C-alpha atoms as a PDB file:
ATOM      1  CA  ASP A   1      93.937  55.460 150.604  1.00  0.00           C
ATOM      2  CA  GLY A   2      96.835  57.633 150.524  1.00  0.00           C
ATOM      3  CA  PRO A   3      98.984  59.552 152.994  1.00  0.00           C
ATOM      4  CA  GLY A   4      95.965  61.868 154.083  1.00  0.00           C
ATOM      5  CA  ASN A   5      95.549  65.603 154.008  1.00  0.00           C
ATOM      6  CA  ARG A   6      95.045  65.671 150.213  1.00  0.00           C
ATOM      7  CA  ALA A   7      98.809  64.901 149.897  1.00  0.00           C
ATOM      8  CA  PHE A   8     100.143  63.126 146.930  1.00  0.00           C
ATOM      9  CA  ARG A   9     103.737  62.344 147.477  1.00  0.00           C
ATOM     10  CA  ALA A  10     104.735  62.068 143.879  1.00  0.00           C
ATOM     11  CA  SER A  11     108.422  61.528 144.593  1.00  0.00           C
ATOM     12  CA  SER A  12     108.047  58.569 147.142  1.00  0.00           C
ATOM     13  CA  ALA A  13     108.296  54.914 146.472  1.00  0.00           C
ATOM     14  CA  VAL A  14     105.343  52.819 146.028  1.00  0.00           C
ATOM     15  CA  THR A  15     105.071  50.453 148.754  1.00  0.00           C
ATOM     16  CA  ARG A  16     104.155  46.677 147.773  1.00  0.00           C
ATOM     17  CA  ALA A  17     101.090  47.194 150.120  1.00  0.00           C
ATOM     18  CA  GLU A  18      99.974  50.313 148.055  1.00  0.00           C
ATOM     19  CA  ALA A  19     100.777  48.223 144.581  1.00  0.00           C
ATOM     20  CA  ALA A  20      98.440  45.671 145.957  1.00  0.00           C
ATOM     21  CA  ALA A  21      95.748  47.892 146.497  1.00  0.00           C
ATOM     22  CA  MET A  22      95.941  49.591 143.364  1.00  0.00           C
ATOM     23  CA  ALA A  23      96.082  46.250 141.556  1.00  0.00           C
ATOM     24  CA  ASP A  24      93.151  44.927 143.601  1.00  0.00           C
ATOM     25  CA  ARG A  25      90.969  47.961 143.003  1.00  0.00           C
ATOM     26  CA  ALA A  26      91.834  48.240 139.245  1.00  0.00           C
ATOM     27  CA  LEU A  27      90.987  44.380 138.520  1.00  0.00           C
ATOM     28  CA  SER A  28      88.086  44.281 141.050  1.00  0.00           C
ATOM     29  CA  LEU A  29      89.576  41.089 142.334  1.00  0.00           C
ATOM     30  CA  ALA A  30      86.861  38.966 144.145  1.00  0.00           C
ATOM     31  CA  ASP A  31      86.823  39.581 148.065  1.00  0.00           C
ATOM     32  CA  ASP A  32      85.766  36.205 149.366  1.00  0.00           C
ATOM     33  CA  GLY A  33      86.562  36.956 152.969  1.00  0.00           C
ATOM     34  CA  ARG A  34      89.681  34.586 152.276  1.00  0.00           C
ATOM     35  CA  VAL A  35      92.317  34.894 155.059  1.00  0.00           C
ATOM     36  CA  MET A  36      95.962  34.112 154.548  1.00  0.00           C
ATOM     37  CA  ALA A  37      98.364  33.833 157.276  1.00  0.00           C
ATOM     38  CA  PHE A  38     101.695  35.581 156.346  1.00  0.00           C
ATOM     39  CA  ALA A  39     104.639  35.810 158.612  1.00  0.00           C
ATOM     40  CA  ASP A  40     104.432  39.786 158.551  1.00  0.00           C
ATOM     41  CA  SER A  41     100.666  40.208 158.445  1.00  0.00           C
ATOM     42  CA  ASP A  42     100.273  42.109 161.542  1.00  0.00           C
ATOM     43  CA  SER A  43     102.583  44.882 159.906  1.00  0.00           C
ATOM     44  CA  LEU A  44     100.090  45.134 156.900  1.00  0.00           C
ATOM     45  CA  PRO A  45      98.019  48.580 157.294  1.00  0.00           C
ATOM     46  CA  ASP A  46      94.262  47.631 157.655  1.00  0.00           C
ATOM     47  CA  TRP A  47      93.435  49.364 154.650  1.00  0.00           C
ATOM     48  CA  ALA A  48      95.602  47.051 152.400  1.00  0.00           C
ATOM     49  CA  ARG A  49      95.035  43.575 154.029  1.00  0.00           C
ATOM     50  CA  GLN A  50      92.258  42.119 152.143  1.00  0.00           C
ATOM     51  CA  SER A  51      94.001  43.704 148.744  1.00  0.00           C
ATOM     52  CA  VAL A  52      97.294  41.897 149.928  1.00  0.00           C
ATOM     53  CA  VAL A  53      95.362  38.646 150.379  1.00  0.00           C
ATOM     54  CA  ASN A  54      93.431  39.063 147.125  1.00  0.00           C
ATOM     55  CA  CYS A  55      96.475  39.789 144.984  1.00  0.00           C
ATOM     56  CA  ALA A  56      98.533  37.173 146.488  1.00  0.00           C
ATOM     57  CA  ALA A  57      95.709  34.404 145.992  1.00  0.00           C
ATOM     58  CA  ALA A  58      95.390  35.530 142.251  1.00  0.00           C
ATOM     59  CA  GLY A  59      99.436  35.344 142.058  1.00  0.00           C
ATOM     60  CA  ILE A  60      99.584  39.004 141.170  1.00  0.00           C
ATOM     61  CA  LEU A  61     101.533  40.116 144.405  1.00  0.00           C
ATOM     62  CA  PRO A  62     104.948  38.088 144.367  1.00  0.00           C
ATOM     63  CA  VAL A  63     105.336  36.690 147.788  1.00  0.00           C
ATOM     64  CA  SER A  64     108.742  35.228 148.909  1.00  0.00           C
ATOM     65  CA  GLY A  65     108.599  32.438 151.513  1.00  0.00           C
ATOM     66  CA  ASN A  66     105.808  33.390 153.998  1.00  0.00           C
ATOM     67  CA  ALA A  67     106.358  37.061 153.786  1.00  0.00           C
ATOM     68  CA  VAL A  68     104.832  39.928 152.084  1.00  0.00           C
ATOM     69  CA  ARG A  69     106.958  42.825 153.016  1.00  0.00           C
ATOM     70  CA  GLY A  70     104.030  45.253 152.588  1.00  0.00           C
ATOM     71  CA  ALA A  71     106.103  48.399 153.614  1.00  0.00           C
ATOM     72  CA  ASP A  72     109.012  47.571 151.468  1.00  0.00           C
ATOM     73  CA  ALA A  73     109.364  49.758 148.295  1.00  0.00           C
ATOM     74  CA  LEU A  74     107.978  47.888 145.197  1.00  0.00           C
ATOM     75  CA  THR A  75     111.156  46.950 142.970  1.00  0.00           C
ATOM     76  CA  ARG A  76     111.070  47.550 139.074  1.00  0.00           C
ATOM     77  CA  GLU A  77     111.106  43.627 138.787  1.00  0.00           C
ATOM     78  CA  GLU A  78     108.049  43.309 141.152  1.00  0.00           C
ATOM     79  CA  ALA A  79     106.158  45.993 139.384  1.00  0.00           C
ATOM     80  CA  ALA A  80     106.874  44.128 135.832  1.00  0.00           C
ATOM     81  CA  LEU A  81     105.635  40.779 137.546  1.00  0.00           C
ATOM     82  CA  MET A  82     102.463  42.448 138.878  1.00  0.00           C
ATOM     83  CA  LEU A  83     101.826  44.151 135.466  1.00  0.00           C
ATOM     84  CA  TYR A  84     102.219  40.870 133.784  1.00  0.00           C
ATOM     85  CA  GLY A  85      99.990  38.962 136.492  1.00  0.00           C
ATOM     86  CA  MET A  86      97.356  41.755 135.847  1.00  0.00           C
ATOM     87  CA  MET A  87      97.343  41.616 131.988  1.00  0.00           C
ATOM     88  CA  THR A  88      96.973  37.831 132.235  1.00  0.00           C
ATOM     89  CA  HIS A  89      94.662  37.687 135.224  1.00  0.00           C
ATOM     90  CA  GLY A  90      91.840  35.575 134.217  1.00  0.00           C
ATOM     91  CA  GLU A  91      93.247  33.779 131.164  1.00  0.00           C
ATOM     92  CA  ASP A  92      92.970  30.153 131.883  1.00  0.00           C
END
């Protein structure tokens, strides 16, 4: 949903929650109303909650332990893992 006011923030890091929202939208992941309880679920923005759940359930968003760390910047390693997960999603 972005920062609002038509701002783009091109030089800002992408957060893990933002990356999940982009991946979810790009893949049109199934939203079956699933709820996953992460230790830090309350810190996720409302607009990203279901996308985080969808991406975590699909194995696209790397989750360490029981924390999503949605406000953390996406690392290059995590971005590579997400891209690989997106490219191979649905291959069973």
